[in-house]
Amino acid sequence: KKLSKNAIIGYPAGIITGITYGLNPLFAVPLIKNGAATESILFFRYAFAVLLLGLFLMLRKQSFRISGKQIGVLLALGVLYTSSSVFLFEAYEYIASGLATTLVFLYPVLVAIIMVFLKVVPSWPVWLAIAATFGGVLVMTQSDGTQTINFGVLLSIASALVYALFIVIINRSKAIAGISNSLLTFYALTVGAIVFPEIISSDTAITAGITTGADWLNLVGLALLPTIVSTATLAIASETSEQQGISPRVFEPITAIVVGTLMFGEPLTTNIIVGISIAMVAVTFMITVTKR
């Protein structure tokens, strides 16, 4: 069967989304190790991304106009979007960055669980995927039972949960139905760029721990690849996707684990490999069967 034009565009776009989002640890971990506050890193990431994305929207002559009704929804989405980043970056301080990023990849399963509360009952393949995913998470997070591992895992799952809520609101809210993905992302990032400077304590400089040229390059890298490029390609993949077989988002955890293992010497145990494989197969199976 010949691949459709949509598949030819959608597949590479989805793969680029997965790879670029999986690069989060590559830029964030060195900054965290240098002593930069999560709020500072995210402020610069979001501020640079808002400038670049705003410029892109202006070049496309896109209107920035939104209604009063949309402001409230966009504000809520901005808070969820930024909270997801905060939880993920905080998790990097407790567990391997590859493992933390993989746990966030499980958000489709959490979306399915949230939908149960909205009276949308999943089919048996979805229940099977949910059970298998949690089994995979239990396997990959087995360790020596120390408190820090558990806390990092909880932070990662919190990141996935708020991102799942973000996705559910985007799909269910009629108020923002007419807003493009790019504009939606622009406003979500703008909320972060406004919120983070307020969180940083008055006795800490916003540039604390961000001193060298390499640090600034890491911030630009964060704004460009896991933020703008991954969002833009996700929009293309979503618009052209016919969900043929495999979800290219599986490249997200694979990239994060490769980066963590090769760049930061993070341990790659049998448990992590087996657990991640189970979870990735389960999520891909769920997306393939439901075509959602």
C-alpha atoms as a PDB file:
ATOM      1  CA  LYS A   1       0.000   0.000   0.000  1.00  0.00           C
ATOM      2  CA  LYS A   2       1.413   3.361  -1.016  1.00  0.00           C
ATOM      3  CA  LEU A   3       2.020   5.914   1.676  1.00  0.00           C
ATOM      4  CA  SER A   4      -0.271   8.919   1.414  1.00  0.00           C
ATOM      5  CA  LYS A   5       1.113  12.452   1.070  1.00  0.00           C
ATOM      6  CA  ASN A   6      -0.023  13.072   4.677  1.00  0.00           C
ATOM      7  CA  ALA A   7       1.981  10.083   5.914  1.00  0.00           C
ATOM      8  CA  ILE A   8       5.103  11.252   4.037  1.00  0.00           C
ATOM      9  CA  ILE A   9       4.872  14.633   5.838  1.00  0.00           C
ATOM     10  CA  GLY A  10       3.383  13.405   9.123  1.00  0.00           C
ATOM     11  CA  TYR A  11       5.849  10.610   9.894  1.00  0.00           C
ATOM     12  CA  PRO A  12       9.070  12.678   9.742  1.00  0.00           C
ATOM     13  CA  ALA A  13       7.316  15.534  11.598  1.00  0.00           C
ATOM     14  CA  GLY A  14       6.316  13.157  14.398  1.00  0.00           C
ATOM     15  CA  ILE A  15       9.823  11.684  14.593  1.00  0.00           C
ATOM     16  CA  ILE A  16      11.377  15.194  14.765  1.00  0.00           C
ATOM     17  CA  THR A  17       8.888  16.053  17.548  1.00  0.00           C
ATOM     18  CA  GLY A  18       9.959  13.025  19.559  1.00  0.00           C
ATOM     19  CA  ILE A  19      13.693  13.552  19.066  1.00  0.00           C
ATOM     20  CA  THR A  20      13.672  17.315  19.770  1.00  0.00           C
ATOM     21  CA  TYR A  21      11.515  16.942  22.904  1.00  0.00           C
ATOM     22  CA  GLY A  22      13.805  14.142  24.057  1.00  0.00           C
ATOM     23  CA  LEU A  23      16.714  16.634  23.922  1.00  0.00           C
ATOM     24  CA  ASN A  24      15.362  18.452  27.024  1.00  0.00           C
ATOM     25  CA  PRO A  25      17.987  16.845  29.338  1.00  0.00           C
ATOM     26  CA  LEU A  26      20.878  17.670  26.940  1.00  0.00           C
ATOM     27  CA  PHE A  27      20.389  21.411  27.529  1.00  0.00           C
ATOM     28  CA  ALA A  28      18.757  21.448  30.978  1.00  0.00           C
ATOM     29  CA  VAL A  29      20.959  19.071  33.011  1.00  0.00           C
ATOM     30  CA  PRO A  30      24.245  21.056  32.554  1.00  0.00           C
ATOM     31  CA  LEU A  31      22.434  24.252  33.649  1.00  0.00           C
ATOM     32  CA  ILE A  32      20.951  22.536  36.723  1.00  0.00           C
ATOM     33  CA  LYS A  33      24.401  21.118  37.614  1.00  0.00           C
ATOM     34  CA  ASN A  34      25.856  24.650  37.351  1.00  0.00           C
ATOM     35  CA  GLY A  35      23.448  25.775  40.051  1.00  0.00           C
ATOM     36  CA  ALA A  36      20.909  27.646  37.892  1.00  0.00           C
ATOM     37  CA  ALA A  37      17.423  27.663  39.437  1.00  0.00           C
ATOM     38  CA  THR A  38      14.703  25.750  37.558  1.00  0.00           C
ATOM     39  CA  GLU A  39      12.622  28.962  37.485  1.00  0.00           C
ATOM     40  CA  SER A  40      15.523  30.925  35.916  1.00  0.00           C
ATOM     41  CA  ILE A  41      16.136  28.245  33.265  1.00  0.00           C
ATOM     42  CA  LEU A  42      12.445  28.111  32.386  1.00  0.00           C
ATOM     43  CA  PHE A  43      12.076  31.904  32.343  1.00  0.00           C
ATOM     44  CA  PHE A  44      14.858  32.302  29.745  1.00  0.00           C
ATOM     45  CA  ARG A  45      13.672  29.231  27.805  1.00  0.00           C
ATOM     46  CA  TYR A  46      10.133  30.615  27.590  1.00  0.00           C
ATOM     47  CA  ALA A  47      11.165  34.252  26.998  1.00  0.00           C
ATOM     48  CA  PHE A  48      13.463  33.281  24.090  1.00  0.00           C
ATOM     49  CA  ALA A  49      10.762  30.956  22.713  1.00  0.00           C
ATOM     50  CA  VAL A  50       8.092  33.712  22.940  1.00  0.00           C
ATOM     51  CA  LEU A  51      10.361  36.117  21.007  1.00  0.00           C
ATOM     52  CA  LEU A  52      11.185  33.539  18.302  1.00  0.00           C
ATOM     53  CA  LEU A  53       7.618  32.262  18.009  1.00  0.00           C
ATOM     54  CA  GLY A  54       6.176  35.806  18.083  1.00  0.00           C
ATOM     55  CA  LEU A  55       8.527  36.771  15.242  1.00  0.00           C
ATOM     56  CA  PHE A  56       7.493  33.665  13.271  1.00  0.00           C
ATOM     57  CA  LEU A  57       3.761  34.480  13.732  1.00  0.00           C
ATOM     58  CA  MET A  58       4.337  38.105  12.684  1.00  0.00           C
ATOM     59  CA  LEU A  59       6.163  36.970   9.519  1.00  0.00           C
ATOM     60  CA  ARG A  60       3.175  34.747   8.744  1.00  0.00           C
ATOM     61  CA  LYS A  61       0.956  37.813   9.334  1.00  0.00           C
ATOM     62  CA  GLN A  62      -1.072  35.886  11.894  1.00  0.00           C
ATOM     63  CA  SER A  63      -3.468  37.798  14.132  1.00  0.00           C
ATOM     64  CA  PHE A  64      -2.732  37.729  17.884  1.00  0.00           C
ATOM     65  CA  ARG A  65      -6.316  38.730  18.746  1.00  0.00           C
ATOM     66  CA  ILE A  66      -8.157  36.646  21.346  1.00  0.00           C
ATOM     67  CA  SER A  67     -11.529  37.115  23.051  1.00  0.00           C
ATOM     68  CA  GLY A  68     -12.136  37.682  26.766  1.00  0.00           C
ATOM     69  CA  LYS A  69     -13.590  34.162  27.055  1.00  0.00           C
ATOM     70  CA  GLN A  70     -10.414  32.691  25.552  1.00  0.00           C
ATOM     71  CA  ILE A  71      -8.092  34.545  27.963  1.00  0.00           C
ATOM     72  CA  GLY A  72      -9.230  32.480  30.976  1.00  0.00           C
ATOM     73  CA  VAL A  73      -8.745  29.156  29.162  1.00  0.00           C
ATOM     74  CA  LEU A  74      -5.337  30.233  27.780  1.00  0.00           C
ATOM     75  CA  LEU A  75      -4.254  31.325  31.261  1.00  0.00           C
ATOM     76  CA  ALA A  76      -5.192  27.907  32.681  1.00  0.00           C
ATOM     77  CA  LEU A  77      -3.370  26.183  29.802  1.00  0.00           C
ATOM     78  CA  GLY A  78      -0.298  28.360  30.406  1.00  0.00           C
ATOM     79  CA  VAL A  79      -0.218  27.391  34.096  1.00  0.00           C
ATOM     80  CA  LEU A  80      -0.515  23.671  33.242  1.00  0.00           C
ATOM     81  CA  TYR A  81       2.124  23.889  30.477  1.00  0.00           C
ATOM     82  CA  THR A  82       4.616  25.671  32.731  1.00  0.00           C
ATOM     83  CA  SER A  83       3.870  23.393  35.722  1.00  0.00           C
ATOM     84  CA  SER A  84       4.673  20.368  33.559  1.00  0.00           C
ATOM     85  CA  SER A  85       8.125  21.859  32.779  1.00  0.00           C
ATOM     86  CA  VAL A  86       8.768  22.724  36.448  1.00  0.00           C
ATOM     87  CA  PHE A  87       7.967  19.178  37.648  1.00  0.00           C
ATOM     88  CA  LEU A  88      10.120  17.599  34.910  1.00  0.00           C
ATOM     89  CA  PHE A  89      13.167  19.831  35.566  1.00  0.00           C
ATOM     90  CA  GLU A  90      12.851  19.312  39.330  1.00  0.00           C
ATOM     91  CA  ALA A  91      12.714  15.539  38.714  1.00  0.00           C
ATOM     92  CA  TYR A  92      16.110  15.769  36.948  1.00  0.00           C
ATOM     93  CA  GLU A  93      17.630  16.566  40.349  1.00  0.00           C
ATOM     94  CA  TYR A  94      16.442  13.262  41.852  1.00  0.00           C
ATOM     95  CA  ILE A  95      16.422  10.615  39.110  1.00  0.00           C
ATOM     96  CA  ALA A  96      18.157   9.942  35.783  1.00  0.00           C
ATOM     97  CA  SER A  97      16.996  12.502  33.200  1.00  0.00           C
ATOM     98  CA  GLY A  98      16.279   9.736  30.657  1.00  0.00           C
ATOM     99  CA  LEU A  99      13.965   7.971  33.107  1.00  0.00           C
ATOM    100  CA  ALA A 100      12.232  11.240  34.070  1.00  0.00           C
ATOM    101  CA  THR A 101      11.584  12.185  30.421  1.00  0.00           C
ATOM    102  CA  THR A 102      10.303   8.667  29.677  1.00  0.00           C
ATOM    103  CA  LEU A 103       7.767   8.868  32.503  1.00  0.00           C
ATOM    104  CA  VAL A 104       6.382  12.111  31.000  1.00  0.00           C
ATOM    105  CA  PHE A 105       5.973  10.272  27.669  1.00  0.00           C
ATOM    106  CA  LEU A 106       3.231   8.198  29.363  1.00  0.00           C
ATOM    107  CA  TYR A 107       0.780  11.138  29.324  1.00  0.00           C
ATOM    108  CA  PRO A 108      -1.547   9.506  26.685  1.00  0.00           C
ATOM    109  CA  VAL A 109      -2.382   6.830  29.275  1.00  0.00           C
ATOM    110  CA  LEU A 110      -3.201   9.540  31.830  1.00  0.00           C
ATOM    111  CA  VAL A 111      -5.376  11.302  29.206  1.00  0.00           C
ATOM    112  CA  ALA A 112      -7.342   8.036  28.855  1.00  0.00           C
ATOM    113  CA  ILE A 113      -7.759   7.834  32.659  1.00  0.00           C
ATOM    114  CA  ILE A 114      -8.915  11.486  32.895  1.00  0.00           C
ATOM    115  CA  MET A 115     -11.466  10.760  30.126  1.00  0.00           C
ATOM    116  CA  VAL A 116     -12.980   8.031  32.347  1.00  0.00           C
ATOM    117  CA  PHE A 117     -13.859  10.782  34.870  1.00  0.00           C
ATOM    118  CA  LEU A 118     -15.466  12.710  31.979  1.00  0.00           C
ATOM    119  CA  LYS A 119     -17.726   9.676  31.333  1.00  0.00           C
ATOM    120  CA  VAL A 120     -15.754   8.579  28.241  1.00  0.00           C
ATOM    121  CA  VAL A 121     -15.262   4.873  28.948  1.00  0.00           C
ATOM    122  CA  PRO A 122     -12.235   3.380  27.174  1.00  0.00           C
ATOM    123  CA  SER A 123     -12.354   0.153  25.155  1.00  0.00           C
ATOM    124  CA  TRP A 124     -10.609  -3.030  26.349  1.00  0.00           C
ATOM    125  CA  PRO A 125      -7.363  -2.342  24.376  1.00  0.00           C
ATOM    126  CA  VAL A 126      -7.038   0.966  26.253  1.00  0.00           C
ATOM    127  CA  TRP A 127      -7.548  -0.726  29.648  1.00  0.00           C
ATOM    128  CA  LEU A 128      -4.954  -3.320  28.615  1.00  0.00           C
ATOM    129  CA  ALA A 129      -2.499  -0.546  27.633  1.00  0.00           C
ATOM    130  CA  ILE A 130      -3.146   1.294  30.927  1.00  0.00           C
ATOM    131  CA  ALA A 131      -2.433  -1.869  32.960  1.00  0.00           C
ATOM    132  CA  ALA A 132       0.686  -2.713  30.911  1.00  0.00           C
ATOM    133  CA  THR A 133       2.012   0.863  31.201  1.00  0.00           C
ATOM    134  CA  PHE A 134       1.730   0.861  34.976  1.00  0.00           C
ATOM    135  CA  GLY A 135       3.427  -2.541  35.013  1.00  0.00           C
ATOM    136  CA  GLY A 136       6.242  -1.065  32.910  1.00  0.00           C
ATOM    137  CA  VAL A 137       6.551   1.928  35.256  1.00  0.00           C
ATOM    138  CA  LEU A 138       6.796  -0.409  38.291  1.00  0.00           C
ATOM    139  CA  VAL A 139       9.581  -2.383  36.577  1.00  0.00           C
ATOM    140  CA  MET A 140      11.582   0.654  35.387  1.00  0.00           C
ATOM    141  CA  THR A 141      11.404   2.440  38.750  1.00  0.00           C
ATOM    142  CA  GLN A 142      12.518  -0.588  40.817  1.00  0.00           C
ATOM    143  CA  SER A 143      15.651   0.450  42.670  1.00  0.00           C
ATOM    144  CA  ASP A 144      17.223   0.179  46.108  1.00  0.00           C
ATOM    145  CA  GLY A 145      14.054   1.673  47.575  1.00  0.00           C
ATOM    146  CA  THR A 146      15.582   5.015  48.558  1.00  0.00           C
ATOM    147  CA  GLN A 147      13.300   7.994  49.136  1.00  0.00           C
ATOM    148  CA  THR A 148      14.850  10.190  46.427  1.00  0.00           C
ATOM    149  CA  ILE A 149      14.068   7.752  43.599  1.00  0.00           C
ATOM    150  CA  ASN A 150      10.414   7.703  44.655  1.00  0.00           C
ATOM    151  CA  PHE A 151      10.232  11.502  44.866  1.00  0.00           C
ATOM    152  CA  GLY A 152      11.774  11.965  41.406  1.00  0.00           C
ATOM    153  CA  VAL A 153       9.327   9.423  39.964  1.00  0.00           C
ATOM    154  CA  LEU A 154       6.409  11.266  41.614  1.00  0.00           C
ATOM    155  CA  LEU A 155       7.598  14.583  40.140  1.00  0.00           C
ATOM    156  CA  SER A 156       7.821  13.037  36.653  1.00  0.00           C
ATOM    157  CA  ILE A 157       4.341  11.522  36.933  1.00  0.00           C
ATOM    158  CA  ALA A 158       3.036  14.917  38.155  1.00  0.00           C
ATOM    159  CA  SER A 159       4.597  16.466  35.024  1.00  0.00           C
ATOM    160  CA  ALA A 160       2.833  13.884  32.835  1.00  0.00           C
ATOM    161  CA  LEU A 161      -0.474  14.408  34.678  1.00  0.00           C
ATOM    162  CA  VAL A 162      -0.594  18.202  34.243  1.00  0.00           C
ATOM    163  CA  TYR A 163       0.432  17.790  30.587  1.00  0.00           C
ATOM    164  CA  ALA A 164      -2.424  15.282  30.172  1.00  0.00           C
ATOM    165  CA  LEU A 165      -4.839  17.874  31.639  1.00  0.00           C
ATOM    166  CA  PHE A 166      -3.401  20.423  29.166  1.00  0.00           C
ATOM    167  CA  ILE A 167      -4.181  18.039  26.267  1.00  0.00           C
ATOM    168  CA  VAL A 168      -7.706  17.274  27.550  1.00  0.00           C
ATOM    169  CA  ILE A 169      -8.576  20.989  27.855  1.00  0.00           C
ATOM    170  CA  ILE A 170      -7.247  21.705  24.335  1.00  0.00           C
ATOM    171  CA  ASN A 171      -9.385  18.908  22.931  1.00  0.00           C
ATOM    172  CA  ARG A 172     -12.539  19.614  24.975  1.00  0.00           C
ATOM    173  CA  SER A 173     -12.698  23.417  25.243  1.00  0.00           C
ATOM    174  CA  LYS A 174     -14.998  24.992  22.656  1.00  0.00           C
ATOM    175  CA  ALA A 175     -13.738  28.492  23.569  1.00  0.00           C
ATOM    176  CA  ILE A 176     -10.296  27.909  21.999  1.00  0.00           C
ATOM    177  CA  ALA A 177     -11.382  25.621  19.135  1.00  0.00           C
ATOM    178  CA  GLY A 178     -10.520  28.257  16.496  1.00  0.00           C
ATOM    179  CA  ILE A 179      -7.021  29.073  17.800  1.00  0.00           C
ATOM    180  CA  SER A 180      -4.061  27.651  15.862  1.00  0.00           C
ATOM    181  CA  ASN A 181      -1.520  25.418  17.653  1.00  0.00           C
ATOM    182  CA  SER A 182       1.208  28.035  17.144  1.00  0.00           C
ATOM    183  CA  LEU A 183      -0.829  30.839  18.727  1.00  0.00           C
ATOM    184  CA  LEU A 184      -1.948  28.564  21.550  1.00  0.00           C
ATOM    185  CA  THR A 185       1.693  27.695  22.292  1.00  0.00           C
ATOM    186  CA  PHE A 186       2.672  31.372  22.069  1.00  0.00           C
ATOM    187  CA  TYR A 187       0.197  32.322  24.810  1.00  0.00           C
ATOM    188  CA  ALA A 188       1.035  29.268  26.968  1.00  0.00           C
ATOM    189  CA  LEU A 189       4.728  30.218  26.826  1.00  0.00           C
ATOM    190  CA  THR A 190       3.921  33.887  27.492  1.00  0.00           C
ATOM    191  CA  VAL A 191       2.248  32.887  30.777  1.00  0.00           C
ATOM    192  CA  GLY A 192       5.471  31.099  31.763  1.00  0.00           C
ATOM    193  CA  ALA A 193       7.657  34.052  30.792  1.00  0.00           C
ATOM    194  CA  ILE A 194       5.510  36.282  33.052  1.00  0.00           C
ATOM    195  CA  VAL A 195       5.103  33.823  35.958  1.00  0.00           C
ATOM    196  CA  PHE A 196       8.671  32.562  36.499  1.00  0.00           C
ATOM    197  CA  PRO A 197      10.369  35.894  37.391  1.00  0.00           C
ATOM    198  CA  GLU A 198       7.709  36.317  40.128  1.00  0.00           C
ATOM    199  CA  ILE A 199       8.596  32.933  41.678  1.00  0.00           C
ATOM    200  CA  ILE A 200      12.341  33.599  42.003  1.00  0.00           C
ATOM    201  CA  SER A 201      13.148  34.820  45.515  1.00  0.00           C
ATOM    202  CA  SER A 202      14.194  38.451  45.749  1.00  0.00           C
ATOM    203  CA  ASP A 203      17.655  37.616  47.115  1.00  0.00           C
ATOM    204  CA  THR A 204      18.530  35.432  44.090  1.00  0.00           C
ATOM    205  CA  ALA A 205      19.640  36.966  40.801  1.00  0.00           C
ATOM    206  CA  ILE A 206      17.693  35.629  37.817  1.00  0.00           C
ATOM    207  CA  THR A 207      21.019  34.887  36.093  1.00  0.00           C
ATOM    208  CA  ALA A 208      22.492  32.949  39.085  1.00  0.00           C
ATOM    209  CA  GLY A 209      24.300  29.873  37.752  1.00  0.00           C
ATOM    210  CA  ILE A 210      24.082  31.184  34.157  1.00  0.00           C
ATOM    211  CA  THR A 211      27.548  32.625  33.581  1.00  0.00           C
ATOM    212  CA  THR A 212      29.298  31.226  30.501  1.00  0.00           C
ATOM    213  CA  GLY A 213      28.548  31.448  26.788  1.00  0.00           C
ATOM    214  CA  ALA A 214      27.816  27.700  26.858  1.00  0.00           C
ATOM    215  CA  ASP A 215      25.082  28.322  29.480  1.00  0.00           C
ATOM    216  CA  TRP A 216      23.378  30.891  27.231  1.00  0.00           C
ATOM    217  CA  LEU A 217      23.700  28.547  24.235  1.00  0.00           C
ATOM    218  CA  ASN A 218      21.993  25.832  26.302  1.00  0.00           C
ATOM    219  CA  LEU A 219      19.127  28.241  27.045  1.00  0.00           C
ATOM    220  CA  VAL A 220      18.745  29.121  23.342  1.00  0.00           C
ATOM    221  CA  GLY A 221      18.922  25.391  22.556  1.00  0.00           C
ATOM    222  CA  LEU A 222      16.119  24.732  25.069  1.00  0.00           C
ATOM    223  CA  ALA A 223      13.964  27.486  23.556  1.00  0.00           C
ATOM    224  CA  LEU A 224      14.584  26.340  20.002  1.00  0.00           C
ATOM    225  CA  LEU A 225      14.603  22.520  19.861  1.00  0.00           C
ATOM    226  CA  PRO A 226      12.441  21.013  22.663  1.00  0.00           C
ATOM    227  CA  THR A 227      10.116  24.045  22.684  1.00  0.00           C
ATOM    228  CA  ILE A 228       9.589  25.655  19.269  1.00  0.00           C
ATOM    229  CA  VAL A 229      10.710  22.914  16.855  1.00  0.00           C
ATOM    230  CA  SER A 230       8.952  20.123  18.801  1.00  0.00           C
ATOM    231  CA  THR A 231       5.732  22.164  19.044  1.00  0.00           C
ATOM    232  CA  ALA A 232       5.768  23.191  15.365  1.00  0.00           C
ATOM    233  CA  THR A 233       6.429  19.642  14.145  1.00  0.00           C
ATOM    234  CA  LEU A 234       3.820  18.261  16.586  1.00  0.00           C
ATOM    235  CA  ALA A 235       1.264  20.625  14.999  1.00  0.00           C
ATOM    236  CA  ILE A 236       2.240  19.351  11.514  1.00  0.00           C
ATOM    237  CA  ALA A 237       2.150  15.712  12.670  1.00  0.00           C
ATOM    238  CA  SER A 238      -1.272  16.220  14.305  1.00  0.00           C
ATOM    239  CA  GLU A 239      -2.726  17.882  11.209  1.00  0.00           C
ATOM    240  CA  THR A 240      -1.396  15.256   8.781  1.00  0.00           C
ATOM    241  CA  SER A 241      -1.509  12.180  10.978  1.00  0.00           C
ATOM    242  CA  GLU A 242      -3.625   9.208  10.065  1.00  0.00           C
ATOM    243  CA  GLN A 243      -2.034   7.286  12.962  1.00  0.00           C
ATOM    244  CA  GLN A 244      -0.564   4.649  10.675  1.00  0.00           C
ATOM    245  CA  GLY A 245       0.832   2.010  12.973  1.00  0.00           C
ATOM    246  CA  ILE A 246       3.546   3.374  15.236  1.00  0.00           C
ATOM    247  CA  SER A 247       3.478   6.642  17.139  1.00  0.00           C
ATOM    248  CA  PRO A 248       6.709   8.463  16.246  1.00  0.00           C
ATOM    249  CA  ARG A 249       6.675   9.978  19.741  1.00  0.00           C
ATOM    250  CA  VAL A 250       8.452   6.809  20.950  1.00  0.00           C
ATOM    251  CA  PHE A 251      11.615   8.580  19.776  1.00  0.00           C
ATOM    252  CA  GLU A 252      11.170  10.951  22.740  1.00  0.00           C
ATOM    253  CA  PRO A 253      12.174   8.516  25.535  1.00  0.00           C
ATOM    254  CA  ILE A 254      14.753   6.795  23.304  1.00  0.00           C
ATOM    255  CA  THR A 255      16.502  10.144  22.645  1.00  0.00           C
ATOM    256  CA  ALA A 256      16.361  11.142  26.323  1.00  0.00           C
ATOM    257  CA  ILE A 257      17.843   7.810  27.434  1.00  0.00           C
ATOM    258  CA  VAL A 258      20.629   7.920  24.807  1.00  0.00           C
ATOM    259  CA  VAL A 259      21.493  11.506  25.867  1.00  0.00           C
ATOM    260  CA  GLY A 260      21.409  10.596  29.580  1.00  0.00           C
ATOM    261  CA  THR A 261      23.545   7.489  29.145  1.00  0.00           C
ATOM    262  CA  LEU A 262      26.125   8.875  26.693  1.00  0.00           C
ATOM    263  CA  MET A 263      26.388  12.500  27.859  1.00  0.00           C
ATOM    264  CA  PHE A 264      25.819  12.240  31.611  1.00  0.00           C
ATOM    265  CA  GLY A 265      26.805   8.628  32.356  1.00  0.00           C
ATOM    266  CA  GLU A 266      23.385   7.786  33.767  1.00  0.00           C
ATOM    267  CA  PRO A 267      22.899   4.105  34.658  1.00  0.00           C
ATOM    268  CA  LEU A 268      21.033   2.000  32.092  1.00  0.00           C
ATOM    269  CA  THR A 269      19.850  -1.036  34.071  1.00  0.00           C
ATOM    270  CA  THR A 270      17.996  -4.098  32.767  1.00  0.00           C
ATOM    271  CA  ASN A 271      14.944  -2.959  34.764  1.00  0.00           C
ATOM    272  CA  ILE A 272      14.923   0.420  32.998  1.00  0.00           C
ATOM    273  CA  ILE A 273      15.272  -1.183  29.532  1.00  0.00           C
ATOM    274  CA  VAL A 274      12.541  -3.796  30.186  1.00  0.00           C
ATOM    275  CA  GLY A 275      10.169  -1.333  31.916  1.00  0.00           C
ATOM    276  CA  ILE A 276      10.551   1.343  29.240  1.00  0.00           C
ATOM    277  CA  SER A 277      10.056  -1.236  26.449  1.00  0.00           C
ATOM    278  CA  ILE A 278       6.791  -2.474  28.048  1.00  0.00           C
ATOM    279  CA  ALA A 279       5.497   1.096  28.536  1.00  0.00           C
ATOM    280  CA  MET A 280       6.446   2.235  25.015  1.00  0.00           C
ATOM    281  CA  VAL A 281       4.802  -0.791  23.381  1.00  0.00           C
ATOM    282  CA  ALA A 282       1.674  -0.243  25.520  1.00  0.00           C
ATOM    283  CA  VAL A 283       1.353   3.469  24.634  1.00  0.00           C
ATOM    284  CA  THR A 284       2.027   2.810  20.927  1.00  0.00           C
ATOM    285  CA  PHE A 285      -0.520  -0.047  20.953  1.00  0.00           C
ATOM    286  CA  MET A 286      -3.149   2.195  22.574  1.00  0.00           C
ATOM    287  CA  ILE A 287      -2.624   5.054  20.077  1.00  0.00           C
ATOM    288  CA  THR A 288      -2.614   2.623  17.118  1.00  0.00           C
ATOM    289  CA  VAL A 289      -5.763   0.744  18.130  1.00  0.00           C
ATOM    290  CA  THR A 290      -7.813   3.822  19.089  1.00  0.00           C
ATOM    291  CA  LYS A 291      -6.362   6.008  16.253  1.00  0.00           C
ATOM    292  CA  ARG A 292      -6.457   8.958  18.701  1.00  0.00           C
END
